[in-house]
Amino acid sequence: MLSELGKESFLWKVPSGSGHSSPSIAGEALFLSSAE
């Protein structure tokens, strides 16, 4: 799906660590859990 959207659709990409959780969003922040 991401390949179909094209590179111009990406705003940013950062490493997020290991985990299966989904992000939660409030205001200008995105919250995510991970494990090390």
All heavy atoms as atom14 arrays in JSON, in Angstrom:
{
  "sequence": "MLSELGKESFLWKVPSGSGHSSPSIAGEALFLSSAE",
  "atom14_mask": [
    [1, 1, 1, 1, 1, 1, 1, 1, 0, 0, 0, 0, 0, 0],
    [1, 1, 1, 1, 1, 1, 1, 1, 0, 0, 0, 0, 0, 0],
    [1, 1, 1, 1, 1, 1, 0, 0, 0, 0, 0, 0, 0, 0],
    [1, 1, 1, 1, 1, 1, 1, 1, 1, 0, 0, 0, 0, 0],
    [1, 1, 1, 1, 1, 1, 1, 1, 0, 0, 0, 0, 0, 0],
    [1, 1, 1, 1, 0, 0, 0, 0, 0, 0, 0, 0, 0, 0],
    [1, 1, 1, 1, 1, 1, 1, 1, 1, 0, 0, 0, 0, 0],
    [1, 1, 1, 1, 1, 1, 1, 1, 1, 0, 0, 0, 0, 0],
    [1, 1, 1, 1, 1, 1, 0, 0, 0, 0, 0, 0, 0, 0],
    [1, 1, 1, 1, 1, 1, 1, 1, 1, 1, 1, 0, 0, 0],
    [1, 1, 1, 1, 1, 1, 1, 1, 0, 0, 0, 0, 0, 0],
    [1, 1, 1, 1, 1, 1, 1, 1, 1, 1, 1, 1, 1, 1],
    [1, 1, 1, 1, 1, 1, 1, 1, 1, 0, 0, 0, 0, 0],
    [1, 1, 1, 1, 1, 1, 1, 0, 0, 0, 0, 0, 0, 0],
    [1, 1, 1, 1, 1, 1, 1, 0, 0, 0, 0, 0, 0, 0],
    [1, 1, 1, 1, 1, 1, 0, 0, 0, 0, 0, 0, 0, 0],
    [1, 1, 1, 1, 0, 0, 0, 0, 0, 0, 0, 0, 0, 0],
    [1, 1, 1, 1, 1, 1, 0, 0, 0, 0, 0, 0, 0, 0],
    [1, 1, 1, 1, 0, 0, 0, 0, 0, 0, 0, 0, 0, 0],
    [1, 1, 1, 1, 1, 1, 1, 1, 1, 1, 0, 0, 0, 0],
    [1, 1, 1, 1, 1, 1, 0, 0, 0, 0, 0, 0, 0, 0],
    [1, 1, 1, 1, 1, 1, 0, 0, 0, 0, 0, 0, 0, 0],
    [1, 1, 1, 1, 1, 1, 1, 0, 0, 0, 0, 0, 0, 0],
    [1, 1, 1, 1, 1, 1, 0, 0, 0, 0, 0, 0, 0, 0],
    [1, 1, 1, 1, 1, 1, 1, 1, 0, 0, 0, 0, 0, 0],
    [1, 1, 1, 1, 1, 0, 0, 0, 0, 0, 0, 0, 0, 0],
    [1, 1, 1, 1, 0, 0, 0, 0, 0, 0, 0, 0, 0, 0],
    [1, 1, 1, 1, 1, 1, 1, 1, 1, 0, 0, 0, 0, 0],
    [1, 1, 1, 1, 1, 0, 0, 0, 0, 0, 0, 0, 0, 0],
    [1, 1, 1, 1, 1, 1, 1, 1, 0, 0, 0, 0, 0, 0],
    [1, 1, 1, 1, 1, 1, 1, 1, 1, 1, 1, 0, 0, 0],
    [1, 1, 1, 1, 1, 1, 1, 1, 0, 0, 0, 0, 0, 0],
    [1, 1, 1, 1, 1, 1, 0, 0, 0, 0, 0, 0, 0, 0],
    [1, 1, 1, 1, 1, 1, 0, 0, 0, 0, 0, 0, 0, 0],
    [1, 1, 1, 1, 1, 0, 0, 0, 0, 0, 0, 0, 0, 0],
    [1, 1, 1, 1, 1, 1, 1, 1, 1, 0, 0, 0, 0, 0]
  ],
  "atom14_positions": [
    [[0.83, -1.21, 0.0], [0.0, 0.0, 0.0], [0.87, 1.26, 0.0], [0.6, 2.22, -0.71], [-0.91, 0.0, 1.22], [-1.82, 1.21, 1.29], [-2.94, 1.14, 2.71], [-3.79, 2.71, 2.51], [0.0, 0.0, 0.0], [0.0, 0.0, 0.0], [0.0, 0.0, 0.0], [0.0, 0.0, 0.0], [0.0, 0.0, 0.0], [0.0, 0.0, 0.0]],
    [[1.95, 1.25, 0.8], [2.82, 2.41, 0.86], [3.5, 2.66, -0.48], [3.68, 3.81, -0.9], [3.87, 2.23, 1.95], [3.34, 2.26, 3.39], [4.48, 1.97, 4.37], [2.7, 3.6, 3.72], [0.0, 0.0, 0.0], [0.0, 0.0, 0.0], [0.0, 0.0, 0.0], [0.0, 0.0, 0.0], [0.0, 0.0, 0.0], [0.0, 0.0, 0.0]],
    [[3.88, 1.57, -1.17], [4.51, 1.73, -2.47], [3.56, 2.32, -3.48], [3.96, 3.08, -4.38], [5.04, 0.38, -2.96], [3.97, -0.56, -3.1], [0.0, 0.0, 0.0], [0.0, 0.0, 0.0], [0.0, 0.0, 0.0], [0.0, 0.0, 0.0], [0.0, 0.0, 0.0], [0.0, 0.0, 0.0], [0.0, 0.0, 0.0], [0.0, 0.0, 0.0]],
    [[2.27, 2.02, -3.35], [1.27, 2.56, -4.26], [1.05, 4.05, -4.03], [0.74, 4.8, -4.94], [-0.04, 1.8, -4.1], [0.03, 0.35, -4.55], [-1.26, -0.39, -4.29], [-2.18, 0.21, -3.72], [-1.35, -1.57, -4.66], [0.0, 0.0, 0.0], [0.0, 0.0, 0.0], [0.0, 0.0, 0.0], [0.0, 0.0, 0.0], [0.0, 0.0, 0.0]],
    [[1.22, 4.47, -2.78], [1.03, 5.9, -2.47], [2.14, 6.75, -3.06], [1.91, 7.91, -3.4], [0.97, 6.09, -0.95], [-0.26, 5.54, -0.24], [-0.11, 5.68, 1.28], [-1.52, 6.28, -0.69], [0.0, 0.0, 0.0], [0.0, 0.0, 0.0], [0.0, 0.0, 0.0], [0.0, 0.0, 0.0], [0.0, 0.0, 0.0], [0.0, 0.0, 0.0]],
    [[3.33, 6.19, -3.14], [4.45, 6.94, -3.71], [5.26, 7.67, -2.66], [4.79, 7.96, -1.57], [0.0, 0.0, 0.0], [0.0, 0.0, 0.0], [0.0, 0.0, 0.0], [0.0, 0.0, 0.0], [0.0, 0.0, 0.0], [0.0, 0.0, 0.0], [0.0, 0.0, 0.0], [0.0, 0.0, 0.0], [0.0, 0.0, 0.0], [0.0, 0.0, 0.0]],
    [[6.51, 7.97, -3.01], [7.42, 8.61, -2.07], [6.93, 9.98, -1.64], [7.22, 10.44, -0.54], [8.81, 8.72, -2.69], [9.51, 7.39, -2.91], [10.91, 7.59, -3.46], [11.61, 6.26, -3.64], [12.99, 6.43, -4.18], [0.0, 0.0, 0.0], [0.0, 0.0, 0.0], [0.0, 0.0, 0.0], [0.0, 0.0, 0.0], [0.0, 0.0, 0.0]],
    [[6.21, 10.67, -2.52], [5.75, 12.02, -2.17], [4.72, 12.01, -1.04], [4.43, 13.05, -0.45], [5.14, 12.7, -3.4], [3.88, 12.06, -3.95], [4.15, 10.89, -4.89], [5.34, 10.52, -5.03], [3.2, 10.38, -5.47], [0.0, 0.0, 0.0], [0.0, 0.0, 0.0], [0.0, 0.0, 0.0], [0.0, 0.0, 0.0], [0.0, 0.0, 0.0]],
    [[4.17, 10.82, -0.73], [3.19, 10.71, 0.35], [3.86, 10.65, 1.73], [3.19, 10.86, 2.73], [2.32, 9.47, 0.15], [1.62, 9.54, -1.08], [0.0, 0.0, 0.0], [0.0, 0.0, 0.0], [0.0, 0.0, 0.0], [0.0, 0.0, 0.0], [0.0, 0.0, 0.0], [0.0, 0.0, 0.0], [0.0, 0.0, 0.0], [0.0, 0.0, 0.0]],
    [[5.16, 10.35, 1.78], [5.87, 10.26, 3.06], [6.16, 11.65, 3.61], [6.72, 12.5, 2.91], [7.18, 9.5, 2.9], [7.02, 8.0, 2.86], [6.98, 7.34, 1.66], [6.91, 7.27, 4.03], [6.83, 5.96, 1.61], [6.77, 5.89, 4.0], [6.72, 5.24, 2.78], [0.0, 0.0, 0.0], [0.0, 0.0, 0.0], [0.0, 0.0, 0.0]],
    [[5.77, 11.87, 4.84], [6.13, 13.11, 5.52], [7.41, 12.91, 6.33], [8.26, 13.78, 6.38], [4.99, 13.56, 6.44], [3.68, 13.96, 5.75], [2.64, 14.34, 6.78], [3.92, 15.12, 4.79], [0.0, 0.0, 0.0], [0.0, 0.0, 0.0], [0.0, 0.0, 0.0], [0.0, 0.0, 0.0], [0.0, 0.0, 0.0], [0.0, 0.0, 0.0]],
    [[7.53, 11.75, 6.99], [8.73, 11.43, 7.75], [8.73, 9.96, 8.09], [7.71, 9.29, 8.0], [8.85, 12.28, 9.03], [7.62, 12.33, 9.91], [6.67, 13.3, 9.91], [7.24, 11.39, 10.92], [5.71, 13.04, 10.86], [6.03, 11.88, 11.5], [7.79, 10.22, 11.41], [5.37, 11.2, 12.53], [7.13, 9.54, 12.44], [5.94, 10.04, 12.98]],
    [[9.9, 9.49, 8.47], [10.07, 8.09, 8.86], [11.17, 8.02, 9.91], [12.26, 8.55, 9.71], [10.43, 7.23, 7.65], [10.62, 5.75, 7.95], [10.96, 4.99, 6.68], [11.18, 3.51, 6.95], [11.53, 2.77, 5.7], [0.0, 0.0, 0.0], [0.0, 0.0, 0.0], [0.0, 0.0, 0.0], [0.0, 0.0, 0.0], [0.0, 0.0, 0.0]],
    [[10.86, 7.39, 11.05], [11.83, 7.27, 12.14], [11.78, 5.85, 12.7], [10.74, 5.18, 12.62], [11.56, 8.29, 13.28], [11.73, 9.72, 12.78], [10.17, 8.08, 13.86], [0.0, 0.0, 0.0], [0.0, 0.0, 0.0], [0.0, 0.0, 0.0], [0.0, 0.0, 0.0], [0.0, 0.0, 0.0], [0.0, 0.0, 0.0], [0.0, 0.0, 0.0]],
    [[12.88, 5.36, 13.28], [12.85, 4.04, 13.92], [11.98, 4.08, 15.16], [11.93, 5.09, 15.88], [14.32, 3.78, 14.28], [14.93, 5.14, 14.35], [14.22, 5.97, 13.33], [0.0, 0.0, 0.0], [0.0, 0.0, 0.0], [0.0, 0.0, 0.0], [0.0, 0.0, 0.0], [0.0, 0.0, 0.0], [0.0, 0.0, 0.0], [0.0, 0.0, 0.0]],
    [[11.27, 2.99, 15.43], [10.33, 2.99, 16.55], [10.56, 1.86, 17.54], [9.82, 1.73, 18.51], [8.89, 2.9, 16.02], [8.71, 1.72, 15.26], [0.0, 0.0, 0.0], [0.0, 0.0, 0.0], [0.0, 0.0, 0.0], [0.0, 0.0, 0.0], [0.0, 0.0, 0.0], [0.0, 0.0, 0.0], [0.0, 0.0, 0.0], [0.0, 0.0, 0.0]],
    [[11.53, 1.03, 17.34], [11.79, -0.05, 18.28], [10.91, -1.26, 18.03], [10.08, -1.29, 17.13], [0.0, 0.0, 0.0], [0.0, 0.0, 0.0], [0.0, 0.0, 0.0], [0.0, 0.0, 0.0], [0.0, 0.0, 0.0], [0.0, 0.0, 0.0], [0.0, 0.0, 0.0], [0.0, 0.0, 0.0], [0.0, 0.0, 0.0], [0.0, 0.0, 0.0]],
    [[11.08, -2.28, 18.87], [10.34, -3.53, 18.74], [9.01, -3.44, 19.48], [8.93, -2.9, 20.58], [11.18, -4.67, 19.32], [10.44, -5.87, 19.37], [0.0, 0.0, 0.0], [0.0, 0.0, 0.0], [0.0, 0.0, 0.0], [0.0, 0.0, 0.0], [0.0, 0.0, 0.0], [0.0, 0.0, 0.0], [0.0, 0.0, 0.0], [0.0, 0.0, 0.0]],
    [[7.96, -4.0, 18.87], [6.65, -3.99, 19.52], [5.53, -4.21, 18.53], [5.73, -4.14, 17.32], [0.0, 0.0, 0.0], [0.0, 0.0, 0.0], [0.0, 0.0, 0.0], [0.0, 0.0, 0.0], [0.0, 0.0, 0.0], [0.0, 0.0, 0.0], [0.0, 0.0, 0.0], [0.0, 0.0, 0.0], [0.0, 0.0, 0.0], [0.0, 0.0, 0.0]],
    [[4.34, -4.48, 19.07], [3.16, -4.7, 18.23], [2.08, -3.65, 18.48], [0.98, -3.76, 17.96], [2.57, -6.09, 18.51], [3.54, -7.22, 18.28], [4.31, -7.3, 17.14], [3.86, -8.3, 19.04], [5.06, -8.4, 17.21], [4.81, -9.01, 18.34], [0.0, 0.0, 0.0], [0.0, 0.0, 0.0], [0.0, 0.0, 0.0], [0.0, 0.0, 0.0]],
    [[2.36, -2.66, 19.29], [1.34, -1.67, 19.62], [1.11, -0.7, 18.46], [1.94, -0.58, 17.56], [1.76, -0.88, 20.87], [2.91, -0.11, 20.61], [0.0, 0.0, 0.0], [0.0, 0.0, 0.0], [0.0, 0.0, 0.0], [0.0, 0.0, 0.0], [0.0, 0.0, 0.0], [0.0, 0.0, 0.0], [0.0, 0.0, 0.0], [0.0, 0.0, 0.0]],
    [[-0.01, -0.02, 18.52], [-0.33, 1.03, 17.54], [-0.12, 2.39, 18.2], [-0.2, 2.51, 19.42], [-1.78, 0.89, 17.07], [-1.99, -0.35, 16.43], [0.0, 0.0, 0.0], [0.0, 0.0, 0.0], [0.0, 0.0, 0.0], [0.0, 0.0, 0.0], [0.0, 0.0, 0.0], [0.0, 0.0, 0.0], [0.0, 0.0, 0.0], [0.0, 0.0, 0.0]],
    [[0.12, 3.44, 17.41], [0.28, 4.76, 17.99], [-1.05, 5.36, 18.41], [-2.09, 5.07, 17.83], [0.91, 5.57, 16.85], [0.47, 4.87, 15.61], [0.38, 3.42, 15.96], [0.0, 0.0, 0.0], [0.0, 0.0, 0.0], [0.0, 0.0, 0.0], [0.0, 0.0, 0.0], [0.0, 0.0, 0.0], [0.0, 0.0, 0.0], [0.0, 0.0, 0.0]],
    [[-1.0, 6.21, 19.44], [-2.14, 7.02, 19.84], [-1.78, 8.48, 19.58], [-0.64, 8.89, 19.82], [-2.48, 6.82, 21.32], [-3.01, 5.54, 21.55], [0.0, 0.0, 0.0], [0.0, 0.0, 0.0], [0.0, 0.0, 0.0], [0.0, 0.0, 0.0], [0.0, 0.0, 0.0], [0.0, 0.0, 0.0], [0.0, 0.0, 0.0], [0.0, 0.0, 0.0]],
    [[-2.75, 9.26, 19.12], [-2.49, 10.64, 18.72], [-3.36, 11.6, 19.5], [-4.55, 11.37, 19.68], [-2.73, 10.83, 17.21], [-1.75, 9.95, 16.41], [-2.56, 12.29, 16.81], [-2.01, 9.96, 14.92], [0.0, 0.0, 0.0], [0.0, 0.0, 0.0], [0.0, 0.0, 0.0], [0.0, 0.0, 0.0], [0.0, 0.0, 0.0], [0.0, 0.0, 0.0]],
    [[-2.76, 12.67, 19.99], [-3.49, 13.75, 20.64], [-2.77, 15.05, 20.34], [-1.57, 15.18, 20.62], [-3.59, 13.53, 22.15], [0.0, 0.0, 0.0], [0.0, 0.0, 0.0], [0.0, 0.0, 0.0], [0.0, 0.0, 0.0], [0.0, 0.0, 0.0], [0.0, 0.0, 0.0], [0.0, 0.0, 0.0], [0.0, 0.0, 0.0], [0.0, 0.0, 0.0]],
    [[-3.47, 16.01, 19.76], [-2.85, 17.28, 19.42], [-1.71, 17.09, 18.45], [-1.85, 16.44, 17.42], [0.0, 0.0, 0.0], [0.0, 0.0, 0.0], [0.0, 0.0, 0.0], [0.0, 0.0, 0.0], [0.0, 0.0, 0.0], [0.0, 0.0, 0.0], [0.0, 0.0, 0.0], [0.0, 0.0, 0.0], [0.0, 0.0, 0.0], [0.0, 0.0, 0.0]],
    [[-0.54, 17.61, 18.78], [0.62, 17.52, 17.91], [1.55, 16.37, 18.29], [2.68, 16.32, 17.81], [1.38, 18.84, 17.95], [0.61, 20.02, 17.37], [0.16, 19.75, 15.93], [0.98, 19.3, 15.12], [-1.03, 19.98, 15.64], [0.0, 0.0, 0.0], [0.0, 0.0, 0.0], [0.0, 0.0, 0.0], [0.0, 0.0, 0.0], [0.0, 0.0, 0.0]],
    [[1.09, 15.48, 19.15], [1.95, 14.4, 19.62], [1.42, 13.03, 19.21], [0.2, 12.82, 19.11], [2.11, 14.46, 21.13], [0.0, 0.0, 0.0], [0.0, 0.0, 0.0], [0.0, 0.0, 0.0], [0.0, 0.0, 0.0], [0.0, 0.0, 0.0], [0.0, 0.0, 0.0], [0.0, 0.0, 0.0], [0.0, 0.0, 0.0], [0.0, 0.0, 0.0]],
    [[2.34, 12.12, 19.0], [2.03, 10.73, 18.68], [2.75, 9.87, 19.72], [3.96, 9.99, 19.9], [2.51, 10.41, 17.27], [2.27, 9.04, 16.67], [2.23, 9.14, 15.15], [3.37, 8.06, 17.07], [0.0, 0.0, 0.0], [0.0, 0.0, 0.0], [0.0, 0.0, 0.0], [0.0, 0.0, 0.0], [0.0, 0.0, 0.0], [0.0, 0.0, 0.0]],
    [[2.01, 8.99, 20.4], [2.56, 8.2, 21.5], [2.66, 6.73, 21.08], [1.73, 6.18, 20.51], [1.7, 8.32, 22.75], [1.45, 9.74, 23.17], [0.27, 10.37, 22.86], [2.42, 10.45, 23.87], [0.04, 11.69, 23.23], [2.21, 11.77, 24.25], [1.01, 12.39, 23.93], [0.0, 0.0, 0.0], [0.0, 0.0, 0.0], [0.0, 0.0, 0.0]],
    [[3.79, 6.11, 21.42], [4.01, 4.73, 21.02], [4.85, 4.01, 22.07], [5.76, 4.6, 22.66], [4.73, 4.68, 19.67], [4.87, 3.31, 19.01], [3.52, 2.77, 18.59], [5.79, 3.41, 17.78], [0.0, 0.0, 0.0], [0.0, 0.0, 0.0], [0.0, 0.0, 0.0], [0.0, 0.0, 0.0], [0.0, 0.0, 0.0], [0.0, 0.0, 0.0]],
    [[4.55, 2.74, 22.29], [5.34, 1.91, 23.2], [6.21, 0.96, 22.39], [5.89, 0.61, 21.25], [4.43, 1.12, 24.14], [3.61, 0.23, 23.41], [0.0, 0.0, 0.0], [0.0, 0.0, 0.0], [0.0, 0.0, 0.0], [0.0, 0.0, 0.0], [0.0, 0.0, 0.0], [0.0, 0.0, 0.0], [0.0, 0.0, 0.0], [0.0, 0.0, 0.0]],
    [[7.32, 0.53, 22.98], [8.2, -0.43, 22.34], [9.01, -1.16, 23.42], [8.89, -0.85, 24.61], [9.14, 0.25, 21.34], [9.94, 1.23, 21.97], [0.0, 0.0, 0.0], [0.0, 0.0, 0.0], [0.0, 0.0, 0.0], [0.0, 0.0, 0.0], [0.0, 0.0, 0.0], [0.0, 0.0, 0.0], [0.0, 0.0, 0.0], [0.0, 0.0, 0.0]],
    [[9.8, -2.14, 23.01], [10.59, -2.92, 23.95], [12.02, -3.05, 23.45], [12.28, -3.03, 22.24], [9.98, -4.3, 24.15], [0.0, 0.0, 0.0], [0.0, 0.0, 0.0], [0.0, 0.0, 0.0], [0.0, 0.0, 0.0], [0.0, 0.0, 0.0], [0.0, 0.0, 0.0], [0.0, 0.0, 0.0], [0.0, 0.0, 0.0], [0.0, 0.0, 0.0]],
    [[12.95, -3.18, 24.4], [14.36, -3.35, 24.08], [14.93, -4.49, 24.92], [14.27, -5.01, 25.81], [15.14, -2.06, 24.38], [14.74, -0.87, 23.55], [15.46, 0.4, 23.96], [16.03, 0.43, 25.09], [15.45, 1.37, 23.18], [0.0, 0.0, 0.0], [0.0, 0.0, 0.0], [0.0, 0.0, 0.0], [0.0, 0.0, 0.0], [0.0, 0.0, 0.0]]
  ]
}
